[in-house]
Amino acid sequence: MKIKKIKLENFRGYTSETIIELGNLSVFVGKNDVGKSSILEALDIFFNENKGVIKIDKDDINKQCFKNGNSEIKISVVFEELPDTLTIDATNPTTLADEYLLQTDGTLEIVKYYPNAGKEKVFIKANHPTNPNCSELLLKKNADLKKLLTEEIECADKTKNAVIRKSIWNHFSADLQLQEIEIELAKLDAKNTWEQLKNYMPLYSLFQSDRKNSDGDNEVQNPMKLAVQEILKDNELKASLDKVAKEVEKKLNEVATKTLEKLNEMNPEIAESLTPIIPSPDSLKWIDVFKSVSIACDEDIPINKRGSGVKRLILLNFFRAEAERRKTAENIPSIIYGIEEPETSQHPSHQRKLIAAFIELSNAPNTQVIMTTHSPAIVKLLDFEHLQLVKNGNGKEVINVEKGNLPYPSLNEVNYLAFGESNDEYHNELYGYIESEQTLADYKIGKSTMIYKRQRSGNIIEEQKILSEYIRHQIHHPENVENVRFTNEQLQESIEEMRQFIL
């Protein structure tokens, strides 16, 4: 399963429903405190059910919504590349399409509500039958489903709920009254559906830039723990572990039974009052066996005692190794890496290698990479299709950065939109573009001028230049020290004037 889009509502800065499209590699850019990290953290809450890095609390409720009486957070994820079949009943495989659990475009949308930032309520939003004669079938017990069967409805196996549902829906196929509704996954077969779907859900792991310097530092441990999760999803390994668990259960039952037999010889009354309690193999959590997995330096010194640059370097090479491994691996589970500010504490050369690894990772099967960044240098290592701009207007917006949306294709332009200011290189681009379009004369009309000095044949020549020309000459001729260096404010002013002229 792969994320196609996510929807946030009443979550932090996201007031009304905001739809965010995702690809194999999605990089969110924008100014500080605009809501980039909230996207990654909402996914952690959704996938890891409050057991991941982020724990949902009342401060996550949008303040404006709360004032208006709405204290329910909504996080919705739309999936594509869905499983071919899933088993809801004990032995009967079915499909999401047969259960009318898909939207009209064939995607699966799972909606989670968090009333007052509390325990989640899970729904599927689907194009589902609403005809009273065949609605809410997923919420009915086998006995209730059988009552709906009439002589006109043929059903091959009345012991299997999925078969009964399909028979009923087929009978009313001409009048299902399909509508987009939300189906709560908390009862009977609907609950079973959710439990089955969770087995197909991607792993999601969030790597944040601001970690606490403690022995349990997730920044270093998370890659190893994520590796454990992924390894334990291997079907062959799961079968082997289940075999071990069942054998242990069998041996424990033998020990308990013999103990009670001996106790019965001495005190039958007490023996009859005792029952051995042994966890079923299905309830065992193998991941807890490996919960202390980590990486240590020489002499078992925890890696978190090293500098943040070293810790991030380990993380960098974990992703590089994953990119190489997942490219050729078969039957690997779906996984989503959420990475916040990968540039943190990294040398520029390491940043380039890391971005190359992320691009390679995103091209591997069953893999998505979602990032935030404040680095213009990283933006310029990416392509337009990877970038999404988070901004505040009349409401929160997350937009794909398309070449056609810009005056001309430029990642410097993306940086300007994302971070609010830019550099000499972008100024050169804009000025050069105006020149190439042969519209410089039009651009100069009505603009005030300033004196620009330069040497010619040993003499100082004074020329009148508009601000953009003045800056352009200084950028191209740093050896000329006759003029006062332009300020950053003047640079931004000139850039904005040229952008508006081009637009």
Protein backbone atom coordinates (compact mmCIF):
# COMPACT_ATOMS: atom_id res chain seq x y z
CA MET A 1 0.00 0.00 0.00
CA LYS A 2 1.21 3.45 -0.90
CA ILE A 3 0.00 6.88 0.23
CA LYS A 4 -1.62 8.94 -2.51
CA LYS A 5 -2.74 11.85 -0.33
CA ILE A 6 -3.34 12.85 3.26
CA LYS A 7 -5.99 15.17 4.68
CA LEU A 8 -5.62 17.22 7.85
CA GLU A 9 -8.39 19.06 9.67
CA ASN A 10 -8.43 20.78 13.07
CA PHE A 11 -4.82 19.68 13.59
CA ARG A 12 -2.49 22.44 14.78
CA GLY A 13 -2.39 25.12 12.06
CA TYR A 14 -4.66 23.15 9.73
CA THR A 15 -8.14 24.55 10.40
CA SER A 16 -10.33 23.38 7.52
CA GLU A 17 -9.62 20.19 5.56
CA THR A 18 -6.29 20.51 3.74
CA ILE A 19 -5.45 17.92 1.07
CA ILE A 20 -1.77 17.06 0.57
CA GLU A 21 -0.70 15.01 -2.44
CA LEU A 22 2.26 12.64 -2.00
CA GLY A 23 4.55 10.92 -4.48
CA ASN A 24 7.45 8.52 -4.04
CA LEU A 25 9.59 11.47 -2.89
CA SER A 26 7.85 14.51 -1.39
CA VAL A 27 9.82 17.42 0.04
CA PHE A 28 7.95 20.15 1.91
CA VAL A 29 9.41 23.65 1.86
CA GLY A 30 8.16 26.88 3.40
CA LYS A 31 8.88 29.45 6.06
CA ASN A 32 9.30 28.63 9.76
CA ASP A 33 6.21 27.57 11.70
CA VAL A 34 4.09 27.20 8.56
CA GLY A 35 3.15 23.55 9.18
CA LYS A 36 5.75 21.41 7.40
CA SER A 37 6.67 19.23 10.40
CA SER A 38 2.99 18.86 11.32
CA ILE A 39 2.47 16.78 8.16
CA LEU A 40 5.20 14.29 9.13
CA GLU A 41 4.03 14.19 12.75
CA ALA A 42 0.38 13.65 11.79
CA LEU A 43 1.46 10.58 9.82
CA ASP A 44 3.37 9.29 12.86
CA ILE A 45 0.22 9.63 14.98
CA PHE A 46 -1.89 7.93 12.27
CA PHE A 47 0.37 4.94 11.58
CA ASN A 48 1.94 4.31 14.98
CA GLU A 49 -1.24 4.85 17.02
CA ASN A 50 0.30 7.10 19.64
CA LYS A 51 3.18 4.67 20.22
CA GLY A 52 5.67 6.35 17.90
CA VAL A 53 7.75 9.48 18.30
CA ILE A 54 4.72 11.80 18.58
CA LYS A 55 1.99 11.52 21.21
CA ILE A 56 -1.22 13.39 20.40
CA ASP A 57 -2.49 15.80 23.06
CA LYS A 58 -4.94 18.66 23.49
CA ASP A 59 -2.40 21.23 22.31
CA ASP A 60 -2.67 19.62 18.86
CA ILE A 61 -6.27 20.83 18.53
CA ASN A 62 -6.48 23.94 16.33
CA LYS A 63 -7.08 26.90 18.65
CA GLN A 64 -9.61 28.61 16.38
CA CYS A 65 -11.63 25.41 15.95
CA PHE A 66 -11.55 24.83 19.69
CA LYS A 67 -12.95 28.33 20.32
CA ASN A 68 -15.73 27.54 17.86
CA GLY A 69 -16.64 24.37 19.77
CA ASN A 70 -14.88 21.79 17.57
CA SER A 71 -12.37 19.71 19.52
CA GLU A 72 -12.16 16.71 17.17
CA ILE A 73 -8.95 16.24 15.16
CA LYS A 74 -9.24 14.48 11.79
CA ILE A 75 -6.35 12.74 10.02
CA SER A 76 -7.19 10.90 6.82
CA VAL A 77 -4.92 8.89 4.50
CA VAL A 78 -5.81 7.82 0.96
CA PHE A 79 -4.01 4.70 -0.29
CA GLU A 80 -3.35 3.21 -3.71
CA GLU A 81 -1.55 0.00 -4.78
CA LEU A 82 -3.87 -2.02 -2.55
CA PRO A 83 -3.74 -5.74 -1.61
CA ASP A 84 -5.41 -8.04 -4.13
CA THR A 85 -7.31 -9.93 -1.42
CA LEU A 86 -7.78 -9.88 2.34
CA THR A 87 -9.39 -12.35 4.73
CA ILE A 88 -12.12 -10.91 6.93
CA ASP A 89 -13.80 -14.18 7.92
CA ALA A 90 -11.63 -16.95 9.30
CA THR A 91 -11.14 -18.78 6.02
CA ASN A 92 -12.82 -16.77 3.29
CA PRO A 93 -10.73 -14.36 1.21
CA THR A 94 -12.50 -11.34 -0.28
CA THR A 95 -11.53 -8.04 -1.86
CA LEU A 96 -11.95 -4.38 -0.91
CA ALA A 97 -13.91 -3.88 -4.13
CA ASP A 98 -16.29 -6.77 -3.36
CA GLU A 99 -16.93 -5.28 0.09
CA TYR A 100 -17.61 -1.84 -1.44
CA LEU A 101 -14.82 -0.30 0.63
CA LEU A 102 -13.20 1.72 -2.17
CA GLN A 103 -13.87 5.18 -3.52
CA THR A 104 -15.02 5.74 -7.09
CA ASP A 105 -11.40 6.16 -8.26
CA GLY A 106 -10.40 2.78 -6.76
CA THR A 107 -8.48 4.23 -3.80
CA LEU A 108 -8.89 3.34 -0.12
CA GLU A 109 -9.44 6.17 2.35
CA ILE A 110 -8.99 5.52 6.06
CA VAL A 111 -10.20 8.30 8.33
CA LYS A 112 -9.21 8.65 11.97
CA TYR A 113 -11.00 11.00 14.34
CA TYR A 114 -9.51 11.98 17.71
CA PRO A 115 -12.30 13.46 19.89
CA ASN A 116 -10.70 15.98 22.25
CA ALA A 117 -7.30 14.56 21.13
CA GLY A 118 -8.23 11.26 22.80
CA LYS A 119 -8.59 7.66 21.61
CA GLU A 120 -8.96 7.32 17.85
CA LYS A 121 -12.13 6.30 16.04
CA VAL A 122 -11.44 4.61 12.69
CA PHE A 123 -13.62 4.82 9.59
CA ILE A 124 -13.38 3.87 5.93
CA LYS A 125 -14.75 6.50 3.55
CA ALA A 126 -16.14 4.58 0.58
CA ASN A 127 -18.70 4.47 -2.21
CA HIS A 128 -20.94 2.05 -0.31
CA PRO A 129 -24.49 0.68 -0.64
CA THR A 130 -27.10 2.75 1.21
CA ASN A 131 -30.26 0.93 0.06
CA PRO A 132 -31.91 -0.07 3.40
CA ASN A 133 -32.34 -3.62 2.09
CA CYS A 134 -28.58 -4.12 1.76
CA SER A 135 -26.87 -1.42 3.83
CA GLU A 136 -24.64 -1.76 6.92
CA LEU A 137 -23.96 -5.42 6.12
CA LEU A 138 -20.42 -5.17 7.50
CA LEU A 139 -21.88 -4.35 10.91
CA LYS A 140 -24.15 -7.42 11.09
CA LYS A 141 -23.58 -10.80 12.75
CA ASN A 142 -23.92 -14.04 10.80
CA ALA A 143 -27.39 -14.67 12.25
CA ASP A 144 -28.57 -11.20 11.23
CA LEU A 145 -27.17 -11.63 7.73
CA LYS A 146 -29.00 -14.95 7.32
CA LYS A 147 -32.30 -13.22 8.16
CA LEU A 148 -31.83 -11.01 5.11
CA LEU A 149 -31.59 -14.02 2.80
CA THR A 150 -34.80 -14.75 0.94
CA GLU A 151 -35.78 -17.48 -1.50
CA GLU A 152 -34.83 -15.18 -4.36
CA ILE A 153 -31.28 -14.68 -3.05
CA GLU A 154 -28.96 -17.54 -3.88
CA CYS A 155 -26.10 -18.06 -1.40
CA ALA A 156 -23.45 -20.78 -1.81
CA ASP A 157 -22.26 -20.81 1.81
CA LYS A 158 -24.35 -19.37 4.65
CA THR A 159 -21.57 -19.94 7.19
CA LYS A 160 -19.33 -17.25 5.66
CA ASN A 161 -20.33 -13.63 6.13
CA ALA A 162 -18.44 -12.41 3.08
CA VAL A 163 -20.31 -14.88 0.85
CA ILE A 164 -23.68 -13.82 2.30
CA ARG A 165 -22.89 -10.12 1.84
CA LYS A 166 -21.83 -10.68 -1.76
CA SER A 167 -25.02 -12.65 -2.48
CA ILE A 168 -27.23 -9.90 -1.05
CA TRP A 169 -25.41 -7.11 -2.87
CA ASN A 170 -25.53 -9.07 -6.14
CA HIS A 171 -29.29 -9.47 -5.73
CA PHE A 172 -29.77 -5.71 -5.33
CA SER A 173 -27.07 -4.76 -7.85
CA ALA A 174 -29.50 -2.68 -9.90
CA ASP A 175 -30.46 -0.56 -6.88
CA LEU A 176 -27.54 -0.44 -4.43
CA GLN A 177 -27.88 3.35 -4.08
CA LEU A 178 -24.12 3.78 -3.81
CA GLN A 179 -23.06 6.89 -1.91
CA GLU A 180 -19.84 8.13 -0.40
CA ILE A 181 -20.23 7.43 3.31
CA GLU A 182 -18.02 6.73 6.34
CA ILE A 183 -18.16 3.22 7.81
CA GLU A 184 -16.97 2.84 11.39
CA LEU A 185 -14.50 0.00 11.83
CA ALA A 186 -15.33 -0.93 15.40
CA LYS A 187 -17.91 -3.69 15.13
CA LEU A 188 -17.90 -7.31 14.01
CA ASP A 189 -16.65 -7.85 10.45
CA ALA A 190 -15.90 -4.15 10.07
CA LYS A 191 -13.47 -4.51 12.98
CA ASN A 192 -12.01 -7.64 11.41
CA THR A 193 -11.53 -5.67 8.20
CA TRP A 194 -9.45 -3.08 10.05
CA GLU A 195 -7.35 -5.72 11.80
CA GLN A 196 -6.61 -7.34 8.44
CA LEU A 197 -5.87 -4.04 6.74
CA LYS A 198 -3.33 -3.16 9.41
CA ASN A 199 -1.24 -6.12 8.27
CA TYR A 200 -0.89 -4.47 4.87
CA MET A 201 -0.26 -0.93 6.13
CA PRO A 202 3.18 0.52 5.42
CA LEU A 203 5.69 0.88 8.21
CA TYR A 204 6.21 4.54 9.06
CA SER A 205 9.27 5.86 10.85
CA LEU A 206 9.87 9.50 11.69
CA PHE A 207 13.41 10.88 12.01
CA GLN A 208 13.44 14.33 13.60
CA SER A 209 16.23 16.88 13.60
CA ASP A 210 15.95 17.99 17.24
CA ARG A 211 16.67 14.95 19.40
CA LYS A 212 17.29 14.86 23.11
CA ASN A 213 20.78 13.72 24.08
CA SER A 214 19.78 10.66 26.08
CA ASP A 215 20.66 6.98 26.14
CA GLY A 216 17.37 6.24 24.41
CA ASP A 217 18.09 8.68 21.59
CA ASN A 218 15.73 7.58 18.85
CA GLU A 219 17.74 9.39 16.21
CA VAL A 220 20.31 6.60 16.36
CA GLN A 221 18.19 3.72 17.64
CA ASN A 222 15.27 4.20 15.28
CA PRO A 223 17.10 2.93 12.18
CA MET A 224 17.92 -0.31 13.98
CA LYS A 225 14.43 -0.67 15.43
CA LEU A 226 12.96 0.04 12.03
CA ALA A 227 15.18 -2.70 10.61
CA VAL A 228 13.78 -5.11 13.24
CA GLN A 229 10.19 -4.20 12.28
CA GLU A 230 10.93 -4.75 8.62
CA ILE A 231 12.73 -8.05 9.20
CA LEU A 232 9.88 -9.38 11.35
CA LYS A 233 7.41 -8.67 8.52
CA ASP A 234 9.08 -11.32 6.35
CA ASN A 235 6.50 -14.07 5.78
CA GLU A 236 8.93 -16.99 6.04
CA LEU A 237 10.40 -15.63 9.25
CA LYS A 238 6.91 -15.02 10.68
CA ALA A 239 6.01 -18.65 9.95
CA SER A 240 9.19 -19.83 11.72
CA LEU A 241 8.54 -17.65 14.76
CA ASP A 242 4.92 -18.81 14.92
CA LYS A 243 6.17 -22.40 14.90
CA VAL A 244 8.54 -21.60 17.79
CA ALA A 245 5.77 -19.83 19.73
CA LYS A 246 3.37 -22.76 19.32
CA GLU A 247 6.02 -25.22 20.41
CA VAL A 248 6.73 -23.11 23.51
CA GLU A 249 2.98 -22.92 24.20
CA LYS A 250 2.72 -26.71 23.90
CA LYS A 251 5.65 -27.28 26.31
CA LEU A 252 4.27 -24.77 28.82
CA ASN A 253 0.89 -26.46 28.76
CA GLU A 254 2.55 -29.80 29.45
CA VAL A 255 4.42 -28.33 32.44
CA ALA A 256 1.27 -26.64 33.78
CA THR A 257 -0.88 -29.76 33.31
CA LYS A 258 1.62 -32.01 35.11
CA THR A 259 1.95 -29.49 37.94
CA LEU A 260 -1.79 -29.41 38.46
CA GLU A 261 -1.99 -33.21 38.28
CA LYS A 262 0.50 -33.47 41.13
CA LEU A 263 -1.28 -30.73 43.07
CA ASN A 264 -4.55 -32.64 42.61
CA GLU A 265 -3.02 -35.64 44.36
CA MET A 266 -2.31 -33.52 47.45
CA ASN A 267 -5.19 -31.01 47.41
CA PRO A 268 -7.92 -31.53 44.79
CA GLU A 269 -9.88 -28.48 45.98
CA ILE A 270 -7.04 -26.05 45.27
CA ALA A 271 -6.09 -27.84 42.07
CA GLU A 272 -9.62 -27.41 40.68
CA SER A 273 -9.55 -23.68 41.44
CA LEU A 274 -6.41 -23.08 39.36
CA THR A 275 -6.14 -22.50 35.61
CA PRO A 276 -2.87 -22.01 33.73
CA ILE A 277 -2.76 -18.69 31.82
CA ILE A 278 -0.43 -18.87 28.82
CA PRO A 279 -0.41 -16.14 26.16
CA SER A 280 -1.45 -17.36 22.74
CA PRO A 281 1.26 -17.32 20.05
CA ASP A 282 -0.68 -14.57 18.22
CA SER A 283 -0.34 -12.22 21.19
CA LEU A 284 3.44 -12.49 21.42
CA LYS A 285 5.35 -9.34 20.42
CA TRP A 286 8.64 -10.46 18.98
CA ILE A 287 9.74 -6.89 18.45
CA ASP A 288 10.03 -6.50 22.24
CA VAL A 289 12.69 -9.22 22.24
CA PHE A 290 14.89 -6.86 20.24
CA LYS A 291 13.91 -3.61 21.96
CA SER A 292 17.45 -2.97 23.21
CA VAL A 293 19.00 -3.13 19.73
CA SER A 294 21.33 -0.20 19.15
CA ILE A 295 24.77 0.84 17.94
CA ALA A 296 27.68 1.50 20.31
CA CYS A 297 31.21 2.87 19.92
CA ASP A 298 34.40 1.25 21.17
CA GLU A 299 34.24 0.12 24.79
CA ASP A 300 30.42 0.08 24.57
CA ILE A 301 30.15 3.87 24.75
CA PRO A 302 26.61 4.82 23.58
CA ILE A 303 26.68 6.58 20.25
CA ASN A 304 24.46 9.35 21.62
CA LYS A 305 27.49 10.56 23.61
CA ARG A 306 29.13 11.51 20.33
CA GLY A 307 28.51 14.79 18.53
CA SER A 308 25.24 15.40 16.69
CA GLY A 309 27.14 15.39 13.40
CA VAL A 310 28.41 11.83 14.04
CA LYS A 311 24.94 10.65 15.03
CA ARG A 312 23.42 12.10 11.89
CA LEU A 313 26.25 10.59 9.87
CA ILE A 314 25.21 7.13 11.08
CA LEU A 315 21.66 7.95 10.03
CA LEU A 316 22.88 9.15 6.64
CA ASN A 317 24.63 5.87 5.94
CA PHE A 318 21.65 3.84 7.15
CA PHE A 319 19.62 5.47 4.39
CA ARG A 320 22.41 4.94 1.85
CA ALA A 321 22.53 1.25 2.79
CA GLU A 322 18.73 0.98 2.61
CA ALA A 323 18.73 2.56 -0.85
CA GLU A 324 21.19 -0.05 -2.07
CA ARG A 325 19.42 -2.97 -0.39
CA ARG A 326 15.81 -2.14 -1.33
CA LYS A 327 16.73 -1.57 -4.97
CA THR A 328 17.31 -5.30 -5.50
CA ALA A 329 15.37 -6.92 -2.63
CA GLU A 330 12.22 -8.96 -3.32
CA ASN A 331 8.95 -9.15 -1.40
CA ILE A 332 9.91 -6.26 0.85
CA PRO A 333 7.21 -4.65 3.03
CA SER A 334 5.97 -1.17 2.20
CA ILE A 335 7.77 1.51 4.15
CA ILE A 336 7.59 5.29 4.53
CA TYR A 337 10.51 7.32 5.82
CA GLY A 338 9.63 10.69 7.34
CA ILE A 339 12.77 12.82 7.61
CA GLU A 340 12.85 16.27 9.16
CA GLU A 341 15.61 18.64 8.00
CA PRO A 342 18.20 16.12 6.76
CA GLU A 343 20.69 18.96 6.38
CA THR A 344 21.01 19.34 10.18
CA SER A 345 24.61 18.98 11.41
CA GLN A 346 25.81 17.74 8.04
CA HIS A 347 28.67 18.92 5.86
CA PRO A 348 27.48 20.03 2.37
CA SER A 349 29.17 17.02 0.74
CA HIS A 350 27.27 14.70 3.12
CA GLN A 351 24.02 16.50 2.30
CA ARG A 352 24.55 15.80 -1.40
CA LYS A 353 25.14 12.09 -0.73
CA LEU A 354 22.10 11.93 1.52
CA ILE A 355 19.78 13.51 -1.05
CA ALA A 356 21.15 11.15 -3.70
CA ALA A 357 20.33 8.25 -1.34
CA PHE A 358 16.79 9.54 -0.78
CA ILE A 359 16.18 9.88 -4.51
CA GLU A 360 17.47 6.33 -5.02
CA LEU A 361 15.38 5.05 -2.09
CA SER A 362 12.23 6.63 -3.51
CA ASN A 363 12.76 4.74 -6.76
CA ALA A 364 12.87 1.38 -4.93
CA PRO A 365 9.70 -0.77 -4.80
CA ASN A 366 7.24 -0.18 -1.94
CA THR A 367 9.15 2.85 -0.67
CA GLN A 368 8.16 6.46 -0.05
CA VAL A 369 10.29 9.26 1.34
CA ILE A 370 8.77 12.40 2.89
CA MET A 371 11.02 15.27 3.99
CA THR A 372 11.05 18.84 5.23
CA THR A 373 13.94 21.20 4.64
CA HIS A 374 15.06 24.78 5.26
CA SER A 375 18.04 24.43 2.96
CA PRO A 376 18.02 26.23 -0.43
CA ALA A 377 21.02 24.04 -1.36
CA ILE A 378 18.97 20.87 -0.87
CA VAL A 379 16.07 22.28 -2.88
CA LYS A 380 18.43 22.76 -5.81
CA LEU A 381 19.46 19.09 -5.67
CA LEU A 382 15.85 18.06 -6.32
CA ASP A 383 13.41 18.30 -9.19
CA PHE A 384 10.13 20.19 -9.40
CA GLU A 385 8.08 16.98 -9.09
CA HIS A 386 9.57 16.37 -5.62
CA LEU A 387 8.70 19.78 -4.15
CA GLN A 388 5.62 21.01 -2.32
CA LEU A 389 5.22 24.50 -0.94
CA VAL A 390 3.45 24.98 2.41
CA LYS A 391 2.08 28.48 2.86
CA ASN A 392 -0.52 30.54 4.69
CA GLY A 393 -3.03 32.57 2.71
CA ASN A 394 -6.73 32.78 3.45
CA GLY A 395 -6.14 29.30 4.86
CA LYS A 396 -3.42 26.69 4.92
CA GLU A 397 -2.25 25.59 1.48
CA VAL A 398 0.08 22.82 0.37
CA ILE A 399 0.70 23.12 -3.37
CA ASN A 400 2.75 21.18 -5.87
CA VAL A 401 5.47 23.37 -7.33
CA GLU A 402 4.95 23.07 -11.08
CA LYS A 403 7.21 24.61 -13.69
CA GLY A 404 4.17 26.16 -15.32
CA ASN A 405 3.27 28.02 -12.11
CA LEU A 406 6.51 30.00 -12.21
CA PRO A 407 7.59 32.90 -14.45
CA TYR A 408 10.20 30.48 -15.78
CA PRO A 409 11.53 27.13 -14.48
CA SER A 410 13.95 27.87 -11.65
CA LEU A 411 14.65 26.17 -8.34
CA ASN A 412 15.96 29.54 -7.13
CA GLU A 413 12.40 30.75 -7.65
CA VAL A 414 11.15 27.88 -5.46
CA ASN A 415 13.59 28.91 -2.73
CA TYR A 416 12.36 32.49 -2.99
CA LEU A 417 8.74 31.38 -2.57
CA ALA A 418 9.63 28.95 0.22
CA PHE A 419 12.03 30.96 2.33
CA GLY A 420 11.21 34.57 1.47
CA GLU A 421 14.59 35.76 0.32
CA SER A 422 17.28 34.82 -2.10
CA ASN A 423 20.83 35.43 -3.32
CA ASP A 424 23.06 36.84 -6.04
CA GLU A 425 22.52 33.78 -8.22
CA TYR A 426 18.76 34.30 -8.38
CA HIS A 427 19.25 38.00 -9.12
CA ASN A 428 21.48 37.03 -12.04
CA GLU A 429 18.87 34.57 -13.29
CA LEU A 430 16.08 37.13 -13.29
CA TYR A 431 18.16 39.88 -14.88
CA GLY A 432 19.48 37.47 -17.51
CA TYR A 433 15.95 36.30 -18.29
CA ILE A 434 14.74 39.88 -18.85
CA GLU A 435 17.73 40.51 -21.10
CA SER A 436 17.14 37.30 -23.09
CA GLU A 437 13.50 38.33 -23.65
CA GLN A 438 14.77 41.71 -24.94
CA THR A 439 12.53 43.59 -22.49
CA LEU A 440 15.22 45.31 -20.41
CA ALA A 441 14.37 48.72 -21.87
CA ASP A 442 10.72 48.27 -20.86
CA TYR A 443 11.77 47.17 -17.37
CA LYS A 444 13.84 50.33 -16.85
CA ILE A 445 11.01 52.73 -17.72
CA GLY A 446 10.06 54.96 -14.78
CA LYS A 447 12.66 53.57 -12.36
CA SER A 448 14.91 55.90 -10.38
CA THR A 449 18.67 55.71 -10.93
CA MET A 450 21.82 55.84 -8.83
CA ILE A 451 25.45 56.58 -9.64
CA TYR A 452 27.67 53.64 -10.55
CA LYS A 453 31.43 54.35 -10.78
CA ARG A 454 33.93 52.44 -12.84
CA GLN A 455 37.45 52.94 -14.11
CA ARG A 456 38.19 53.41 -17.77
CA SER A 457 41.72 54.24 -19.02
CA GLY A 458 42.71 55.32 -15.51
CA ASN A 459 39.73 57.66 -15.12
CA ILE A 460 36.63 57.24 -12.93
CA ILE A 461 33.50 57.25 -15.04
CA GLU A 462 30.10 57.86 -13.39
CA GLU A 463 27.03 56.26 -14.96
CA GLN A 464 23.36 56.33 -14.01
CA LYS A 465 22.02 52.84 -13.32
CA ILE A 466 18.72 51.58 -12.00
CA LEU A 467 18.99 49.46 -8.83
CA SER A 468 18.91 46.11 -10.68
CA GLU A 469 21.73 47.22 -13.04
CA TYR A 470 23.74 48.58 -10.10
CA ILE A 471 23.53 45.22 -8.31
CA ARG A 472 24.16 43.24 -11.50
CA HIS A 473 27.39 45.18 -12.18
CA GLN A 474 28.61 44.70 -8.61
CA ILE A 475 27.95 40.95 -8.75
CA HIS A 476 29.84 40.61 -12.02
CA HIS A 477 32.70 42.95 -11.09
CA PRO A 478 33.65 42.37 -7.45
CA GLU A 479 37.11 43.80 -8.23
CA ASN A 480 35.51 47.28 -8.62
CA VAL A 481 35.72 48.84 -5.14
CA GLU A 482 34.64 52.34 -6.17
CA ASN A 483 31.00 51.79 -5.19
CA VAL A 484 29.17 51.22 -1.93
CA ARG A 485 28.18 47.56 -1.70
CA PHE A 486 24.45 46.98 -2.14
CA THR A 487 22.54 45.85 0.97
CA ASN A 488 20.53 42.67 1.40
CA GLU A 489 17.38 44.80 1.52
CA GLN A 490 18.27 46.33 -1.86
CA LEU A 491 18.93 42.86 -3.27
CA GLN A 492 15.49 41.62 -2.17
CA GLU A 493 13.84 44.81 -3.48
CA SER A 494 15.46 44.37 -6.89
CA ILE A 495 14.54 40.66 -7.04
CA GLU A 496 10.91 41.40 -6.23
CA GLU A 497 10.73 44.20 -8.83
CA MET A 498 12.09 41.88 -11.52
CA ARG A 499 9.76 39.04 -10.49
CA GLN A 500 6.72 41.31 -10.70
CA PHE A 501 7.83 42.61 -14.10
CA ILE A 502 8.24 39.04 -15.42
CA LEU A 503 4.88 38.00 -13.99
